[in-house]
Amino acid sequence: MNNDINLLPSQAKFQAKRVALKAKINFFLWIFGGIWIVLLILVLGGFFISQMALNQVNKKYQTDLNQYKSLLGSMVVNQQVKYRAKIVGQVLGERFEYGSSIERIRSIFSENIKIDDIGIEGKKQFTLEGSINEGKYVSEVEEKIVEINNGELEGFTKAVLKDIQIDNGVWIFKMEVDLK
């Protein structure tokens, strides 16, 4: 005898196949749905992880940008200070010290010769007027002029006696002096 004899009516056979097919379809739907859920979880997890990484990079970028902006301001100030210091250095380098020059001119002669007035003709050119009470010290004026013109007196380049007069026994002279 054949064990494969089906004693079910044909409608029952169709329903049995239908139930078996539904079971297979449900099984594949569950597997397909599970795969979709796993993929969805993986995609959403990757999205959230990438968002967290992006947020961290943005925070680091903002802190670096803020540091750069604060440094940029101080760098601009620093460059302005350097530029101004350079300008001041140039001005000071080109500046001429009139006070020390006048003191140098006053120290040319001994106390026997009195300097009455010093005039500024140019940046390094001065005129001075002086008086000598005793005529024997006139030679000192002449000697100083020769020393200056020969380069023997430090800081001076040229001296010229412009005028000399005697007024009531007092010698009054006027000379021009050029400094280095």
C-alpha atoms as a PDB file:
ATOM      1  CA  MET A   1       0.000   0.000   0.000  1.00  0.00           C
ATOM      2  CA  ASN A   2       0.909   3.349  -0.773  1.00  0.00           C
ATOM      3  CA  ASN A   3       1.502   5.675   2.153  1.00  0.00           C
ATOM      4  CA  ASP A   4       0.943   8.724   0.041  1.00  0.00           C
ATOM      5  CA  ILE A   5      -2.727   8.360  -0.245  1.00  0.00           C
ATOM      6  CA  ASN A   6      -4.502  11.588   0.490  1.00  0.00           C
ATOM      7  CA  LEU A   7      -7.971  11.019   1.806  1.00  0.00           C
ATOM      8  CA  LEU A   8      -8.806  14.734   2.186  1.00  0.00           C
ATOM      9  CA  PRO A   9     -11.333  16.269  -0.096  1.00  0.00           C
ATOM     10  CA  SER A  10      -9.950  18.528  -2.843  1.00  0.00           C
ATOM     11  CA  GLN A  11     -11.098  21.724  -1.153  1.00  0.00           C
ATOM     12  CA  ALA A  12      -9.293  20.720   2.009  1.00  0.00           C
ATOM     13  CA  LYS A  13      -6.193  19.998  -0.045  1.00  0.00           C
ATOM     14  CA  PHE A  14      -6.377  23.501  -1.505  1.00  0.00           C
ATOM     15  CA  GLN A  15      -6.824  25.013   1.954  1.00  0.00           C
ATOM     16  CA  ALA A  16      -3.893  23.016   3.328  1.00  0.00           C
ATOM     17  CA  LYS A  17      -1.671  24.289   0.527  1.00  0.00           C
ATOM     18  CA  ARG A  18      -2.949  27.768   1.123  1.00  0.00           C
ATOM     19  CA  VAL A  19      -2.173  27.565   4.872  1.00  0.00           C
ATOM     20  CA  ALA A  20       1.309  26.197   4.115  1.00  0.00           C
ATOM     21  CA  LEU A  21       1.910  28.969   1.559  1.00  0.00           C
ATOM     22  CA  LYS A  22       0.682  31.617   4.043  1.00  0.00           C
ATOM     23  CA  ALA A  23       3.066  30.216   6.642  1.00  0.00           C
ATOM     24  CA  LYS A  24       5.966  30.447   4.176  1.00  0.00           C
ATOM     25  CA  ILE A  25       4.950  33.997   3.144  1.00  0.00           C
ATOM     26  CA  ASN A  26       4.653  35.052   6.815  1.00  0.00           C
ATOM     27  CA  PHE A  27       8.069  33.539   7.506  1.00  0.00           C
ATOM     28  CA  PHE A  28       9.662  35.492   4.610  1.00  0.00           C
ATOM     29  CA  LEU A  29       7.773  38.663   5.613  1.00  0.00           C
ATOM     30  CA  TRP A  30       9.126  38.350   9.143  1.00  0.00           C
ATOM     31  CA  ILE A  31      12.670  37.836   7.834  1.00  0.00           C
ATOM     32  CA  PHE A  32      12.288  40.719   5.328  1.00  0.00           C
ATOM     33  CA  GLY A  33      10.799  43.024   8.013  1.00  0.00           C
ATOM     34  CA  GLY A  34      13.551  42.064  10.443  1.00  0.00           C
ATOM     35  CA  ILE A  35      16.224  42.868   7.871  1.00  0.00           C
ATOM     36  CA  TRP A  36      14.534  46.235   7.198  1.00  0.00           C
ATOM     37  CA  ILE A  37      14.366  47.013  10.915  1.00  0.00           C
ATOM     38  CA  VAL A  38      18.028  46.053  11.388  1.00  0.00           C
ATOM     39  CA  LEU A  39      19.020  48.213   8.384  1.00  0.00           C
ATOM     40  CA  LEU A  40      16.878  51.081   9.679  1.00  0.00           C
ATOM     41  CA  ILE A  41      18.517  50.819  13.111  1.00  0.00           C
ATOM     42  CA  LEU A  42      21.977  50.750  11.496  1.00  0.00           C
ATOM     43  CA  VAL A  43      21.202  53.759   9.285  1.00  0.00           C
ATOM     44  CA  LEU A  44      19.698  55.769  12.149  1.00  0.00           C
ATOM     45  CA  GLY A  45      22.615  54.794  14.423  1.00  0.00           C
ATOM     46  CA  GLY A  46      25.111  55.886  11.766  1.00  0.00           C
ATOM     47  CA  PHE A  47      23.194  59.138  11.313  1.00  0.00           C
ATOM     48  CA  PHE A  48      23.189  59.876  15.048  1.00  0.00           C
ATOM     49  CA  ILE A  49      26.876  58.981  15.382  1.00  0.00           C
ATOM     50  CA  SER A  50      27.769  61.209  12.417  1.00  0.00           C
ATOM     51  CA  GLN A  51      25.684  64.051  13.927  1.00  0.00           C
ATOM     52  CA  MET A  52      27.517  63.706  17.243  1.00  0.00           C
ATOM     53  CA  ALA A  53      30.874  63.756  15.427  1.00  0.00           C
ATOM     54  CA  LEU A  54      29.746  66.756  13.379  1.00  0.00           C
ATOM     55  CA  ASN A  55      28.669  68.592  16.545  1.00  0.00           C
ATOM     56  CA  GLN A  56      32.053  67.931  18.144  1.00  0.00           C
ATOM     57  CA  VAL A  57      33.870  69.166  15.035  1.00  0.00           C
ATOM     58  CA  ASN A  58      31.641  72.279  14.953  1.00  0.00           C
ATOM     59  CA  LYS A  59      32.356  72.988  18.634  1.00  0.00           C
ATOM     60  CA  LYS A  60      36.099  72.633  18.032  1.00  0.00           C
ATOM     61  CA  TYR A  61      35.806  74.834  14.958  1.00  0.00           C
ATOM     62  CA  GLN A  62      33.926  77.526  16.904  1.00  0.00           C
ATOM     63  CA  THR A  63      36.481  77.518  19.746  1.00  0.00           C
ATOM     64  CA  ASP A  64      39.351  77.704  17.239  1.00  0.00           C
ATOM     65  CA  LEU A  65      37.551  80.465  15.333  1.00  0.00           C
ATOM     66  CA  ASN A  66      36.981  82.434  18.547  1.00  0.00           C
ATOM     67  CA  GLN A  67      40.643  82.016  19.507  1.00  0.00           C
ATOM     68  CA  TYR A  68      41.685  83.135  16.041  1.00  0.00           C
ATOM     69  CA  LYS A  69      39.426  86.193  16.228  1.00  0.00           C
ATOM     70  CA  SER A  70      40.817  87.150  19.627  1.00  0.00           C
ATOM     71  CA  LEU A  71      44.384  86.607  18.409  1.00  0.00           C
ATOM     72  CA  LEU A  72      43.634  88.499  15.223  1.00  0.00           C
ATOM     73  CA  GLY A  73      42.708  91.589  17.216  1.00  0.00           C
ATOM     74  CA  SER A  74      45.862  91.384  19.301  1.00  0.00           C
ATOM     75  CA  MET A  75      47.950  90.709  16.186  1.00  0.00           C
ATOM     76  CA  VAL A  76      46.561  93.838  14.540  1.00  0.00           C
ATOM     77  CA  VAL A  77      47.313  95.852  17.672  1.00  0.00           C
ATOM     78  CA  ASN A  78      50.785  94.297  17.839  1.00  0.00           C
ATOM     79  CA  GLN A  79      51.500  95.200  14.207  1.00  0.00           C
ATOM     80  CA  GLN A  80      50.218  98.742  14.783  1.00  0.00           C
ATOM     81  CA  VAL A  81      52.471  99.101  17.823  1.00  0.00           C
ATOM     82  CA  LYS A  82      55.463  97.809  15.851  1.00  0.00           C
ATOM     83  CA  TYR A  83      54.706 100.209  13.010  1.00  0.00           C
ATOM     84  CA  ARG A  84      54.323 103.163  15.358  1.00  0.00           C
ATOM     85  CA  ALA A  85      57.510 102.206  17.209  1.00  0.00           C
ATOM     86  CA  LYS A  86      59.329 102.113  13.885  1.00  0.00           C
ATOM     87  CA  ILE A  87      58.011 105.578  12.991  1.00  0.00           C
ATOM     88  CA  VAL A  88      58.976 106.941  16.413  1.00  0.00           C
ATOM     89  CA  GLY A  89      62.422 105.381  16.000  1.00  0.00           C
ATOM     90  CA  GLN A  90      62.823 107.100  12.653  1.00  0.00           C
ATOM     91  CA  VAL A  91      61.710 110.429  14.098  1.00  0.00           C
ATOM     92  CA  LEU A  92      64.061 110.058  17.045  1.00  0.00           C
ATOM     93  CA  GLY A  93      66.872 109.037  14.705  1.00  0.00           C
ATOM     94  CA  GLU A  94      66.388 112.174  12.644  1.00  0.00           C
ATOM     95  CA  ARG A  95      65.856 114.414  15.663  1.00  0.00           C
ATOM     96  CA  PHE A  96      68.541 116.941  16.472  1.00  0.00           C
ATOM     97  CA  GLU A  97      69.379 117.754  20.087  1.00  0.00           C
ATOM     98  CA  TYR A  98      69.605 121.527  20.239  1.00  0.00           C
ATOM     99  CA  GLY A  99      70.111 121.625  23.993  1.00  0.00           C
ATOM    100  CA  SER A 100      73.224 119.469  23.989  1.00  0.00           C
ATOM    101  CA  SER A 101      74.528 121.299  20.905  1.00  0.00           C
ATOM    102  CA  ILE A 102      74.164 124.680  22.594  1.00  0.00           C
ATOM    103  CA  GLU A 103      75.945 123.342  25.687  1.00  0.00           C
ATOM    104  CA  ARG A 104      78.758 122.052  23.459  1.00  0.00           C
ATOM    105  CA  ILE A 105      79.055 125.507  21.860  1.00  0.00           C
ATOM    106  CA  ARG A 106      79.088 127.217  25.271  1.00  0.00           C
ATOM    107  CA  SER A 107      81.976 124.982  26.340  1.00  0.00           C
ATOM    108  CA  ILE A 108      84.283 126.023  23.461  1.00  0.00           C
ATOM    109  CA  PHE A 109      85.872 128.942  25.262  1.00  0.00           C
ATOM    110  CA  SER A 110      87.331 129.415  28.730  1.00  0.00           C
ATOM    111  CA  GLU A 111      85.656 131.555  31.389  1.00  0.00           C
ATOM    112  CA  ASN A 112      87.653 134.567  30.152  1.00  0.00           C
ATOM    113  CA  ILE A 113      85.424 134.771  27.086  1.00  0.00           C
ATOM    114  CA  LYS A 114      81.754 135.419  27.705  1.00  0.00           C
ATOM    115  CA  ILE A 115      79.164 134.113  25.222  1.00  0.00           C
ATOM    116  CA  ASP A 116      76.268 136.557  25.196  1.00  0.00           C
ATOM    117  CA  ASP A 117      73.945 135.022  22.588  1.00  0.00           C
ATOM    118  CA  ILE A 118      73.615 131.853  20.524  1.00  0.00           C
ATOM    119  CA  GLY A 119      71.432 131.899  17.417  1.00  0.00           C
ATOM    120  CA  ILE A 120      70.221 128.927  15.414  1.00  0.00           C
ATOM    121  CA  GLU A 121      70.790 129.383  11.690  1.00  0.00           C
ATOM    122  CA  GLY A 122      70.094 125.816  10.541  1.00  0.00           C
ATOM    123  CA  LYS A 123      69.884 122.273  11.841  1.00  0.00           C
ATOM    124  CA  LYS A 124      73.589 122.145  12.641  1.00  0.00           C
ATOM    125  CA  GLN A 125      74.582 125.733  12.070  1.00  0.00           C
ATOM    126  CA  PHE A 126      74.757 128.295  14.875  1.00  0.00           C
ATOM    127  CA  THR A 127      75.858 131.885  15.285  1.00  0.00           C
ATOM    128  CA  LEU A 128      77.258 133.065  18.544  1.00  0.00           C
ATOM    129  CA  GLU A 129      78.021 136.485  19.894  1.00  0.00           C
ATOM    130  CA  GLY A 130      80.480 136.975  22.674  1.00  0.00           C
ATOM    131  CA  SER A 131      82.499 139.544  24.493  1.00  0.00           C
ATOM    132  CA  ILE A 132      86.072 139.679  25.796  1.00  0.00           C
ATOM    133  CA  ASN A 133      86.923 142.140  28.581  1.00  0.00           C
ATOM    134  CA  GLU A 134      90.662 141.949  28.097  1.00  0.00           C
ATOM    135  CA  GLY A 135      92.239 142.121  24.634  1.00  0.00           C
ATOM    136  CA  LYS A 136      94.836 139.466  25.399  1.00  0.00           C
ATOM    137  CA  TYR A 137      92.158 136.725  25.158  1.00  0.00           C
ATOM    138  CA  VAL A 138      91.249 137.570  21.550  1.00  0.00           C
ATOM    139  CA  SER A 139      93.944 135.141  20.449  1.00  0.00           C
ATOM    140  CA  GLU A 140      92.009 132.340  22.210  1.00  0.00           C
ATOM    141  CA  VAL A 141      89.061 132.974  19.876  1.00  0.00           C
ATOM    142  CA  GLU A 142      91.359 132.810  16.864  1.00  0.00           C
ATOM    143  CA  GLU A 143      92.995 129.608  18.135  1.00  0.00           C
ATOM    144  CA  LYS A 144      89.604 127.912  18.662  1.00  0.00           C
ATOM    145  CA  ILE A 145      88.524 128.808  15.128  1.00  0.00           C
ATOM    146  CA  VAL A 146      91.737 127.275  13.753  1.00  0.00           C
ATOM    147  CA  GLU A 147      91.279 124.138  15.927  1.00  0.00           C
ATOM    148  CA  ILE A 148      87.695 123.689  14.715  1.00  0.00           C
ATOM    149  CA  ASN A 149      88.624 124.163  11.053  1.00  0.00           C
ATOM    150  CA  ASN A 150      91.519 121.682  11.401  1.00  0.00           C
ATOM    151  CA  GLY A 151      89.183 119.076  12.932  1.00  0.00           C
ATOM    152  CA  GLU A 152      90.972 119.088  16.290  1.00  0.00           C
ATOM    153  CA  LEU A 153      87.869 119.973  18.322  1.00  0.00           C
ATOM    154  CA  GLU A 154      85.423 117.029  18.585  1.00  0.00           C
ATOM    155  CA  GLY A 155      81.886 117.580  17.278  1.00  0.00           C
ATOM    156  CA  PHE A 156      82.595 120.657  15.154  1.00  0.00           C
ATOM    157  CA  THR A 157      83.190 120.872  11.392  1.00  0.00           C
ATOM    158  CA  LYS A 158      83.675 124.574  10.605  1.00  0.00           C
ATOM    159  CA  ALA A 159      83.952 127.947  12.292  1.00  0.00           C
ATOM    160  CA  VAL A 160      84.085 131.415  10.718  1.00  0.00           C
ATOM    161  CA  LEU A 161      84.681 134.732  12.467  1.00  0.00           C
ATOM    162  CA  LYS A 162      82.034 137.035  10.974  1.00  0.00           C
ATOM    163  CA  ASP A 163      82.679 140.260  12.872  1.00  0.00           C
ATOM    164  CA  ILE A 164      84.851 141.666  15.624  1.00  0.00           C
ATOM    165  CA  GLN A 165      84.634 145.169  17.166  1.00  0.00           C
ATOM    166  CA  ILE A 166      85.963 147.106  20.122  1.00  0.00           C
ATOM    167  CA  ASP A 167      83.387 149.029  22.145  1.00  0.00           C
ATOM    168  CA  ASN A 168      84.662 150.937  25.260  1.00  0.00           C
ATOM    169  CA  GLY A 169      87.576 148.537  25.687  1.00  0.00           C
ATOM    170  CA  VAL A 170      85.395 145.410  25.339  1.00  0.00           C
ATOM    171  CA  TRP A 171      85.960 143.177  22.331  1.00  0.00           C
ATOM    172  CA  ILE A 172      82.669 142.025  20.798  1.00  0.00           C
ATOM    173  CA  PHE A 173      82.787 139.244  18.248  1.00  0.00           C
ATOM    174  CA  LYS A 174      80.339 137.333  16.124  1.00  0.00           C
ATOM    175  CA  MET A 175      81.116 133.914  14.671  1.00  0.00           C
ATOM    176  CA  GLU A 176      79.406 131.075  12.864  1.00  0.00           C
ATOM    177  CA  VAL A 177      79.889 127.464  13.958  1.00  0.00           C
ATOM    178  CA  ASP A 178      78.867 124.267  12.144  1.00  0.00           C
ATOM    179  CA  LEU A 179      78.434 120.994  14.047  1.00  0.00           C
ATOM    180  CA  LYS A 180      78.904 117.427  12.823  1.00  0.00           C
END
